[in-house]
Amino acid sequence: MIDVMPGGTLGSEADCVSQIQAGQLEMTKVSAGTLANFNSAWNCVSVPYVFTSKDHLYDVMNGEIGQDLYKLTENDGFIGLAWLESGTRCFYTAKTPIRTPSDLKGLKIRTMDSQMAIDMMNAFGGSATVMGYGDIYTGMTPACSRALSTALRTTSPPCATTPTSPSTTATTSTP
């Protein structure tokens, strides 16, 4: 039986990985950005525009490269089991339209705890504010963050800075 604990009930993605490593949790869903904190090779799937299409993404993640990625964290006490497409990367704001990277200049923008996401946001001229997914609702205040970068699970309309990315994967403790 699998008990699903949604909405960050057990903590952040990093907290859940730590619980797996300690043998307190058997499985979790985490983003490629979180996995990159354990092995930087996971950054390869988060580079903007690295995938030219959904088919390209699926071919890579369902092929040898995807299988190799799953094994990268075995020495850290967990492995990847599967992946899911989390959609296209989008920016959301309350008042400021974002149509080009220059529109990000000076905005405090929520990013996940991923060095690649932080560096990308800062390179676009925004000010990266690391915030876990479970903290987005309360963190979207003028003092904390004025914009949000996250995945949009739809194919239309296009609003992405990256076409698609396999930002989540299931992990489990190694035997």
N, C-alpha and C. Protein backbone atom coordinates (compact mmCIF):
# COMPACT_ATOMS: atom_id res chain seq x y z
N MET A 1 0.84 -1.17 0.00
CA MET A 1 0.00 0.00 0.00
C MET A 1 0.89 1.25 0.00
N ILE A 2 0.46 2.25 -0.72
CA ILE A 2 1.18 3.53 -0.77
C ILE A 2 0.30 4.59 -0.14
N ASP A 3 0.83 5.26 0.88
CA ASP A 3 0.14 6.39 1.50
C ASP A 3 0.67 7.66 0.85
N VAL A 4 -0.20 8.45 0.27
CA VAL A 4 0.19 9.70 -0.36
C VAL A 4 0.04 10.82 0.65
N MET A 5 1.11 11.59 0.82
CA MET A 5 1.13 12.72 1.75
C MET A 5 1.38 13.99 0.92
N PRO A 6 0.33 14.67 0.46
CA PRO A 6 0.48 15.78 -0.48
C PRO A 6 0.83 17.12 0.18
N GLY A 7 1.15 18.07 -0.69
CA GLY A 7 1.27 19.46 -0.28
C GLY A 7 2.39 19.76 0.69
N GLY A 8 3.50 19.04 0.63
CA GLY A 8 4.61 19.32 1.53
C GLY A 8 4.37 18.88 2.95
N THR A 9 3.44 17.98 3.16
CA THR A 9 3.13 17.50 4.51
C THR A 9 4.37 16.98 5.22
N LEU A 10 5.25 16.32 4.48
CA LEU A 10 6.45 15.74 5.08
C LEU A 10 7.67 16.64 4.96
N GLY A 11 7.46 17.86 4.48
CA GLY A 11 8.57 18.80 4.34
C GLY A 11 8.85 19.11 2.89
N SER A 12 9.95 19.79 2.67
CA SER A 12 10.37 20.17 1.32
C SER A 12 10.89 18.95 0.58
N GLU A 13 11.18 19.12 -0.70
CA GLU A 13 11.76 18.03 -1.47
C GLU A 13 13.08 17.57 -0.84
N ALA A 14 13.92 18.52 -0.44
CA ALA A 14 15.19 18.17 0.19
C ALA A 14 14.96 17.42 1.51
N ASP A 15 13.95 17.85 2.26
CA ASP A 15 13.62 17.15 3.51
C ASP A 15 13.24 15.70 3.23
N CYS A 16 12.45 15.50 2.20
CA CYS A 16 12.00 14.14 1.85
C CYS A 16 13.17 13.27 1.40
N VAL A 17 14.10 13.84 0.64
CA VAL A 17 15.28 13.07 0.24
C VAL A 17 16.09 12.69 1.48
N SER A 18 16.24 13.62 2.42
CA SER A 18 16.96 13.31 3.66
C SER A 18 16.26 12.19 4.43
N GLN A 19 14.94 12.20 4.43
CA GLN A 19 14.19 11.14 5.11
C GLN A 19 14.40 9.79 4.42
N ILE A 20 14.50 9.79 3.10
CA ILE A 20 14.81 8.55 2.38
C ILE A 20 16.19 8.05 2.79
N GLN A 21 17.15 8.96 2.81
CA GLN A 21 18.52 8.57 3.17
C GLN A 21 18.59 8.01 4.59
N ALA A 22 17.73 8.50 5.47
CA ALA A 22 17.71 8.03 6.86
C ALA A 22 16.83 6.80 7.05
N GLY A 23 16.18 6.34 5.98
CA GLY A 23 15.32 5.17 6.07
C GLY A 23 13.96 5.46 6.68
N GLN A 24 13.57 6.73 6.76
CA GLN A 24 12.29 7.11 7.36
C GLN A 24 11.18 7.24 6.33
N LEU A 25 11.53 7.24 5.05
CA LEU A 25 10.58 7.41 3.97
C LEU A 25 11.02 6.49 2.85
N GLU A 26 10.07 5.87 2.17
CA GLU A 26 10.43 4.90 1.14
C GLU A 26 10.45 5.46 -0.27
N MET A 27 9.66 6.49 -0.53
CA MET A 27 9.57 7.02 -1.88
C MET A 27 9.08 8.46 -1.83
N THR A 28 9.54 9.27 -2.78
CA THR A 28 9.07 10.64 -2.89
C THR A 28 9.17 11.09 -4.34
N LYS A 29 8.58 12.22 -4.64
CA LYS A 29 8.67 12.85 -5.95
C LYS A 29 9.47 14.13 -5.76
N VAL A 30 10.54 14.25 -6.51
CA VAL A 30 11.38 15.45 -6.40
C VAL A 30 11.72 15.97 -7.79
N SER A 31 12.09 17.23 -7.84
CA SER A 31 12.44 17.86 -9.11
C SER A 31 13.89 17.56 -9.48
N ALA A 32 14.16 17.70 -10.77
CA ALA A 32 15.53 17.54 -11.25
C ALA A 32 16.45 18.57 -10.58
N GLY A 33 15.90 19.76 -10.29
CA GLY A 33 16.70 20.78 -9.61
C GLY A 33 17.17 20.33 -8.24
N THR A 34 16.31 19.65 -7.51
CA THR A 34 16.70 19.12 -6.20
C THR A 34 17.74 18.02 -6.36
N LEU A 35 17.54 17.16 -7.35
CA LEU A 35 18.50 16.08 -7.58
C LEU A 35 19.87 16.63 -8.00
N ALA A 36 19.88 17.79 -8.67
CA ALA A 36 21.14 18.41 -9.08
C ALA A 36 21.96 18.84 -7.87
N ASN A 37 21.32 19.03 -6.72
CA ASN A 37 22.07 19.35 -5.51
C ASN A 37 22.89 18.16 -5.04
N PHE A 38 22.54 16.96 -5.50
CA PHE A 38 23.28 15.75 -5.16
C PHE A 38 24.25 15.37 -6.27
N ASN A 39 23.87 15.62 -7.51
CA ASN A 39 24.73 15.32 -8.65
C ASN A 39 24.42 16.34 -9.75
N SER A 40 25.39 17.16 -10.06
CA SER A 40 25.16 18.27 -11.00
C SER A 40 24.79 17.82 -12.40
N ALA A 41 25.00 16.56 -12.74
CA ALA A 41 24.60 16.07 -14.07
C ALA A 41 23.10 16.22 -14.29
N TRP A 42 22.31 16.24 -13.20
CA TRP A 42 20.86 16.43 -13.35
C TRP A 42 20.52 17.80 -13.94
N ASN A 43 21.45 18.75 -13.88
CA ASN A 43 21.21 20.06 -14.48
C ASN A 43 20.99 19.98 -15.98
N CYS A 44 21.47 18.92 -16.60
CA CYS A 44 21.37 18.82 -18.07
C CYS A 44 19.92 18.86 -18.54
N VAL A 45 18.97 18.45 -17.73
CA VAL A 45 17.58 18.45 -18.16
C VAL A 45 16.85 19.75 -17.81
N SER A 46 17.54 20.66 -17.15
CA SER A 46 16.92 21.93 -16.75
C SER A 46 17.42 23.13 -17.55
N VAL A 47 18.33 22.91 -18.46
CA VAL A 47 18.85 24.00 -19.27
C VAL A 47 17.74 24.53 -20.18
N PRO A 48 17.52 25.84 -20.21
CA PRO A 48 16.47 26.38 -21.09
C PRO A 48 16.69 25.96 -22.55
N TYR A 49 15.64 25.52 -23.16
CA TYR A 49 15.60 25.14 -24.57
C TYR A 49 16.47 23.94 -24.93
N VAL A 50 16.87 23.14 -23.95
CA VAL A 50 17.68 21.95 -24.26
C VAL A 50 16.87 20.92 -25.05
N PHE A 51 15.57 20.89 -24.81
CA PHE A 51 14.71 19.98 -25.56
C PHE A 51 13.97 20.78 -26.65
N THR A 52 14.03 20.26 -27.85
CA THR A 52 13.43 20.96 -28.98
C THR A 52 11.94 20.69 -29.12
N SER A 53 11.47 19.61 -28.47
CA SER A 53 10.06 19.24 -28.57
C SER A 53 9.74 18.24 -27.45
N LYS A 54 8.45 17.96 -27.29
CA LYS A 54 8.05 16.93 -26.33
C LYS A 54 8.62 15.58 -26.73
N ASP A 55 8.59 15.27 -28.02
CA ASP A 55 9.14 13.99 -28.47
C ASP A 55 10.61 13.86 -28.11
N HIS A 56 11.36 14.95 -28.27
CA HIS A 56 12.78 14.96 -27.92
C HIS A 56 12.95 14.67 -26.42
N LEU A 57 12.18 15.35 -25.59
CA LEU A 57 12.21 15.13 -24.14
C LEU A 57 11.92 13.66 -23.82
N TYR A 58 10.85 13.13 -24.38
CA TYR A 58 10.46 11.75 -24.10
C TYR A 58 11.52 10.76 -24.57
N ASP A 59 12.11 11.00 -25.75
CA ASP A 59 13.16 10.12 -26.24
C ASP A 59 14.36 10.09 -25.30
N VAL A 60 14.77 11.25 -24.81
CA VAL A 60 15.91 11.32 -23.90
C VAL A 60 15.59 10.66 -22.56
N MET A 61 14.48 11.02 -21.97
CA MET A 61 14.17 10.51 -20.63
C MET A 61 13.78 9.04 -20.63
N ASN A 62 13.22 8.55 -21.72
CA ASN A 62 12.86 7.13 -21.80
C ASN A 62 13.99 6.27 -22.34
N GLY A 63 15.09 6.89 -22.70
CA GLY A 63 16.22 6.18 -23.29
C GLY A 63 17.37 5.98 -22.32
N GLU A 64 18.51 5.74 -22.89
CA GLU A 64 19.72 5.43 -22.12
C GLU A 64 20.12 6.58 -21.18
N ILE A 65 19.99 7.81 -21.66
CA ILE A 65 20.37 8.95 -20.82
C ILE A 65 19.51 9.00 -19.56
N GLY A 66 18.20 8.85 -19.72
CA GLY A 66 17.30 8.83 -18.57
C GLY A 66 17.66 7.72 -17.59
N GLN A 67 17.93 6.54 -18.11
CA GLN A 67 18.29 5.41 -17.24
C GLN A 67 19.60 5.69 -16.50
N ASP A 68 20.55 6.31 -17.19
CA ASP A 68 21.82 6.66 -16.55
C ASP A 68 21.61 7.70 -15.44
N LEU A 69 20.73 8.66 -15.68
CA LEU A 69 20.46 9.69 -14.67
C LEU A 69 19.91 9.07 -13.38
N TYR A 70 19.02 8.09 -13.51
CA TYR A 70 18.42 7.46 -12.32
C TYR A 70 19.47 6.90 -11.37
N LYS A 71 20.58 6.44 -11.91
CA LYS A 71 21.61 5.76 -11.10
C LYS A 71 22.62 6.72 -10.46
N LEU A 72 22.60 7.97 -10.86
CA LEU A 72 23.63 8.92 -10.42
C LEU A 72 23.70 9.11 -8.91
N THR A 73 22.60 8.93 -8.22
CA THR A 73 22.59 9.20 -6.77
C THR A 73 22.60 7.92 -5.93
N GLU A 74 22.91 6.80 -6.55
CA GLU A 74 22.93 5.53 -5.82
C GLU A 74 23.87 5.58 -4.62
N ASN A 75 25.04 6.21 -4.79
CA ASN A 75 25.99 6.32 -3.67
C ASN A 75 25.49 7.26 -2.58
N ASP A 76 24.47 8.08 -2.90
CA ASP A 76 23.87 8.97 -1.91
C ASP A 76 22.73 8.29 -1.16
N GLY A 77 22.42 7.05 -1.52
CA GLY A 77 21.40 6.29 -0.80
C GLY A 77 20.03 6.26 -1.44
N PHE A 78 19.91 6.70 -2.68
CA PHE A 78 18.61 6.64 -3.37
C PHE A 78 18.83 6.61 -4.88
N ILE A 79 17.83 6.11 -5.60
CA ILE A 79 17.89 6.02 -7.05
C ILE A 79 16.58 6.55 -7.64
N GLY A 80 16.63 6.91 -8.88
CA GLY A 80 15.42 7.32 -9.59
C GLY A 80 14.67 6.10 -10.08
N LEU A 81 13.36 6.18 -10.11
CA LEU A 81 12.53 5.08 -10.59
C LEU A 81 11.82 5.42 -11.89
N ALA A 82 11.35 6.64 -12.00
CA ALA A 82 10.55 7.05 -13.14
C ALA A 82 10.59 8.57 -13.22
N TRP A 83 10.04 9.10 -14.29
CA TRP A 83 9.99 10.55 -14.44
C TRP A 83 8.61 10.94 -14.91
N LEU A 84 8.29 12.19 -14.73
CA LEU A 84 7.06 12.72 -15.30
C LEU A 84 7.34 14.12 -15.80
N GLU A 85 6.63 14.48 -16.82
CA GLU A 85 6.79 15.81 -17.38
C GLU A 85 6.00 16.78 -16.52
N SER A 86 6.65 17.83 -16.09
CA SER A 86 5.96 18.78 -15.22
C SER A 86 5.51 20.03 -15.95
N GLY A 87 5.64 20.05 -17.26
CA GLY A 87 5.12 21.17 -18.02
C GLY A 87 6.18 22.16 -18.43
N THR A 88 5.73 23.27 -18.94
CA THR A 88 6.63 24.30 -19.43
C THR A 88 6.90 25.35 -18.34
N ARG A 89 8.05 25.94 -18.40
CA ARG A 89 8.45 26.95 -17.42
C ARG A 89 7.78 28.26 -17.75
N CYS A 90 7.08 28.83 -16.80
CA CYS A 90 6.37 30.09 -17.00
C CYS A 90 6.66 31.06 -15.87
N PHE A 91 6.39 32.31 -16.13
CA PHE A 91 6.51 33.35 -15.11
C PHE A 91 5.12 33.92 -14.86
N TYR A 92 4.82 34.17 -13.60
CA TYR A 92 3.54 34.74 -13.20
C TYR A 92 3.82 35.97 -12.36
N THR A 93 3.07 37.03 -12.61
CA THR A 93 3.16 38.23 -11.77
C THR A 93 1.75 38.75 -11.53
N ALA A 94 1.62 39.59 -10.53
CA ALA A 94 0.31 40.17 -10.23
C ALA A 94 0.03 41.38 -11.11
N LYS A 95 1.09 42.15 -11.43
CA LYS A 95 0.86 43.40 -12.13
C LYS A 95 1.75 43.61 -13.36
N THR A 96 2.90 43.01 -13.40
CA THR A 96 3.87 43.29 -14.44
C THR A 96 3.86 42.22 -15.52
N PRO A 97 3.47 42.54 -16.75
CA PRO A 97 3.52 41.53 -17.81
C PRO A 97 4.97 41.18 -18.14
N ILE A 98 5.20 39.91 -18.40
CA ILE A 98 6.54 39.45 -18.78
C ILE A 98 6.43 38.84 -20.17
N ARG A 99 7.05 39.52 -21.13
CA ARG A 99 7.02 39.06 -22.51
C ARG A 99 8.40 38.74 -23.05
N THR A 100 9.42 39.36 -22.45
CA THR A 100 10.80 39.13 -22.86
C THR A 100 11.65 39.01 -21.60
N PRO A 101 12.85 38.43 -21.69
CA PRO A 101 13.71 38.34 -20.50
C PRO A 101 13.98 39.70 -19.86
N SER A 102 14.03 40.77 -20.65
CA SER A 102 14.31 42.09 -20.07
C SER A 102 13.19 42.54 -19.13
N ASP A 103 11.98 41.99 -19.28
CA ASP A 103 10.87 42.33 -18.38
C ASP A 103 11.09 41.80 -16.97
N LEU A 104 12.04 40.90 -16.80
CA LEU A 104 12.34 40.33 -15.48
C LEU A 104 13.26 41.23 -14.66
N LYS A 105 13.87 42.19 -15.30
CA LYS A 105 14.87 43.05 -14.65
C LYS A 105 14.31 43.71 -13.39
N GLY A 106 15.00 43.46 -12.28
CA GLY A 106 14.65 44.09 -11.02
C GLY A 106 13.53 43.40 -10.23
N LEU A 107 12.88 42.39 -10.81
CA LEU A 107 11.80 41.71 -10.08
C LEU A 107 12.34 40.65 -9.13
N LYS A 108 11.80 40.60 -7.93
CA LYS A 108 12.07 39.48 -7.04
C LYS A 108 11.23 38.31 -7.54
N ILE A 109 11.87 37.21 -7.89
CA ILE A 109 11.17 36.10 -8.52
C ILE A 109 11.45 34.81 -7.77
N ARG A 110 10.38 34.12 -7.41
CA ARG A 110 10.50 32.85 -6.71
C ARG A 110 11.13 31.81 -7.64
N THR A 111 12.14 31.12 -7.13
CA THR A 111 12.71 29.98 -7.83
C THR A 111 12.79 28.81 -6.86
N MET A 112 12.96 27.62 -7.42
CA MET A 112 13.20 26.47 -6.56
C MET A 112 14.64 26.53 -6.07
N ASP A 113 14.95 25.68 -5.11
CA ASP A 113 16.29 25.62 -4.53
C ASP A 113 17.20 24.84 -5.47
N SER A 114 17.58 25.48 -6.54
CA SER A 114 18.43 24.88 -7.57
C SER A 114 19.40 25.95 -8.03
N GLN A 115 20.69 25.66 -7.96
CA GLN A 115 21.67 26.67 -8.36
C GLN A 115 21.47 27.09 -9.81
N MET A 116 21.08 26.12 -10.66
CA MET A 116 20.84 26.47 -12.06
C MET A 116 19.67 27.44 -12.19
N ALA A 117 18.59 27.20 -11.45
CA ALA A 117 17.42 28.09 -11.51
C ALA A 117 17.77 29.48 -10.98
N ILE A 118 18.55 29.53 -9.92
CA ILE A 118 18.97 30.80 -9.33
C ILE A 118 19.85 31.56 -10.32
N ASP A 119 20.84 30.87 -10.89
CA ASP A 119 21.75 31.51 -11.85
C ASP A 119 21.00 31.99 -13.08
N MET A 120 20.05 31.17 -13.57
CA MET A 120 19.28 31.55 -14.75
C MET A 120 18.47 32.82 -14.47
N MET A 121 17.80 32.85 -13.33
CA MET A 121 16.97 34.01 -12.99
C MET A 121 17.82 35.26 -12.87
N ASN A 122 18.96 35.15 -12.21
CA ASN A 122 19.84 36.31 -12.05
C ASN A 122 20.41 36.74 -13.40
N ALA A 123 20.71 35.78 -14.29
CA ALA A 123 21.22 36.12 -15.62
C ALA A 123 20.18 36.86 -16.44
N PHE A 124 18.90 36.55 -16.22
CA PHE A 124 17.82 37.24 -16.91
C PHE A 124 17.57 38.63 -16.34
N GLY A 125 18.26 38.97 -15.24
CA GLY A 125 18.11 40.29 -14.63
C GLY A 125 17.17 40.32 -13.45
N GLY A 126 16.55 39.20 -13.14
CA GLY A 126 15.68 39.13 -11.97
C GLY A 126 16.49 38.91 -10.72
N SER A 127 15.83 38.96 -9.60
CA SER A 127 16.46 38.70 -8.31
C SER A 127 15.84 37.42 -7.77
N ALA A 128 16.60 36.33 -7.85
CA ALA A 128 16.09 35.02 -7.44
C ALA A 128 15.81 34.97 -5.95
N THR A 129 14.62 34.49 -5.60
CA THR A 129 14.23 34.28 -4.21
C THR A 129 13.86 32.80 -4.06
N VAL A 130 14.71 32.04 -3.37
CA VAL A 130 14.47 30.61 -3.22
C VAL A 130 13.28 30.39 -2.30
N MET A 131 12.34 29.57 -2.78
CA MET A 131 11.13 29.31 -2.01
C MET A 131 10.62 27.92 -2.40
N GLY A 132 10.37 27.08 -1.42
CA GLY A 132 9.81 25.76 -1.69
C GLY A 132 8.41 25.87 -2.26
N TYR A 133 8.00 24.84 -2.98
CA TYR A 133 6.69 24.84 -3.62
C TYR A 133 5.57 25.04 -2.61
N GLY A 134 5.70 24.44 -1.43
CA GLY A 134 4.68 24.55 -0.39
C GLY A 134 4.58 25.94 0.22
N ASP A 135 5.56 26.80 -0.05
CA ASP A 135 5.57 28.15 0.53
C ASP A 135 5.13 29.22 -0.46
N ILE A 136 4.80 28.82 -1.68
CA ILE A 136 4.49 29.80 -2.72
C ILE A 136 3.31 30.70 -2.34
N TYR A 137 2.22 30.13 -1.89
CA TYR A 137 1.02 30.93 -1.61
C TYR A 137 1.30 32.02 -0.59
N THR A 138 1.92 31.66 0.53
CA THR A 138 2.19 32.66 1.57
C THR A 138 3.38 33.55 1.21
N GLY A 139 4.25 33.07 0.33
CA GLY A 139 5.44 33.84 -0.01
C GLY A 139 5.24 34.87 -1.10
N MET A 140 4.11 34.85 -1.76
CA MET A 140 3.88 35.80 -2.85
C MET A 140 3.36 37.13 -2.30
N THR A 141 4.19 37.77 -1.51
CA THR A 141 3.87 39.09 -0.97
C THR A 141 4.88 40.09 -1.52
N PRO A 142 4.55 41.36 -1.57
CA PRO A 142 5.49 42.35 -2.11
C PRO A 142 6.84 42.34 -1.40
N ALA A 143 6.87 42.06 -0.11
CA ALA A 143 8.13 42.08 0.61
C ALA A 143 9.00 40.88 0.27
N CYS A 144 8.38 39.78 -0.12
CA CYS A 144 9.12 38.55 -0.35
C CYS A 144 9.38 38.30 -1.83
N SER A 145 8.36 38.27 -2.63
CA SER A 145 8.51 37.95 -4.04
C SER A 145 7.41 38.62 -4.84
N ARG A 146 7.78 39.18 -5.99
CA ARG A 146 6.80 39.87 -6.85
C ARG A 146 6.42 39.03 -8.06
N ALA A 147 7.12 37.91 -8.27
CA ALA A 147 6.85 37.06 -9.42
C ALA A 147 7.20 35.62 -9.08
N LEU A 148 6.72 34.73 -9.91
CA LEU A 148 6.87 33.31 -9.66
C LEU A 148 7.33 32.64 -10.93
N SER A 149 8.30 31.75 -10.81
CA SER A 149 8.72 30.92 -11.93
C SER A 149 8.40 29.49 -11.54
N THR A 150 7.53 28.85 -12.30
CA THR A 150 7.15 27.47 -12.02
C THR A 150 6.64 26.83 -13.30
N ALA A 151 6.31 25.56 -13.22
CA ALA A 151 5.84 24.85 -14.40
C ALA A 151 4.34 25.08 -14.58
N LEU A 152 3.94 25.21 -15.82
CA LEU A 152 2.53 25.31 -16.19
C LEU A 152 2.17 24.03 -16.90
N ARG A 153 1.23 23.29 -16.38
CA ARG A 153 0.88 21.99 -16.95
C ARG A 153 -0.19 22.13 -18.02
N THR A 154 0.20 22.71 -19.10
CA THR A 154 -0.69 22.85 -20.24
C THR A 154 0.15 23.02 -21.49
N THR A 155 -0.43 22.83 -22.63
CA THR A 155 0.33 23.03 -23.86
C THR A 155 -0.06 24.31 -24.58
N SER A 156 -1.10 25.00 -24.10
CA SER A 156 -1.55 26.20 -24.77
C SER A 156 -2.14 27.14 -23.72
N PRO A 157 -1.91 28.42 -23.76
CA PRO A 157 -1.07 29.11 -24.72
C PRO A 157 0.40 28.99 -24.32
N PRO A 158 1.32 29.16 -25.26
CA PRO A 158 2.74 29.07 -24.92
C PRO A 158 3.16 30.29 -24.11
N CYS A 159 3.78 30.05 -22.98
CA CYS A 159 4.26 31.17 -22.16
C CYS A 159 5.59 30.81 -21.55
N ALA A 160 6.28 29.86 -22.15
CA ALA A 160 7.43 29.27 -21.51
C ALA A 160 8.74 29.94 -21.84
N THR A 161 9.67 29.83 -20.91
CA THR A 161 11.05 30.17 -21.20
C THR A 161 11.77 28.90 -21.63
N THR A 162 11.21 27.75 -21.32
CA THR A 162 11.75 26.48 -21.81
C THR A 162 10.59 25.65 -22.34
N PRO A 163 10.78 24.93 -23.44
CA PRO A 163 9.67 24.18 -24.01
C PRO A 163 9.09 23.15 -23.04
N THR A 164 9.86 22.22 -22.60
CA THR A 164 9.38 21.25 -21.61
C THR A 164 10.58 20.77 -20.84
N SER A 165 10.35 20.26 -19.66
CA SER A 165 11.45 19.68 -18.90
C SER A 165 10.94 18.61 -17.98
N PRO A 166 11.74 17.60 -17.75
CA PRO A 166 11.32 16.52 -16.86
C PRO A 166 11.68 16.90 -15.43
N SER A 167 10.98 17.87 -14.87
CA SER A 167 11.41 18.39 -13.61
C SER A 167 11.08 17.54 -12.41
N THR A 168 10.47 16.43 -12.59
CA THR A 168 10.24 15.61 -11.42
C THR A 168 10.56 14.16 -11.70
N THR A 169 11.01 13.51 -10.68
CA THR A 169 11.31 12.09 -10.79
C THR A 169 11.00 11.44 -9.45
N ALA A 170 10.64 10.21 -9.48
CA ALA A 170 10.42 9.48 -8.22
C ALA A 170 11.74 8.90 -7.77
N THR A 171 11.96 8.89 -6.49
CA THR A 171 13.18 8.30 -5.97
C THR A 171 12.83 7.33 -4.86
N THR A 172 13.71 6.42 -4.62
CA THR A 172 13.51 5.48 -3.54
C THR A 172 14.87 5.14 -2.95
N SER A 173 14.86 4.64 -1.75
CA SER A 173 16.12 4.26 -1.12
C SER A 173 16.72 3.08 -1.86
N THR A 174 18.04 3.01 -1.84
CA THR A 174 18.71 1.90 -2.49
C THR A 174 18.69 0.69 -1.56
N PRO A 175 18.61 -0.52 -2.14
CA PRO A 175 18.54 -1.72 -1.31
C PRO A 175 19.82 -1.96 -0.52
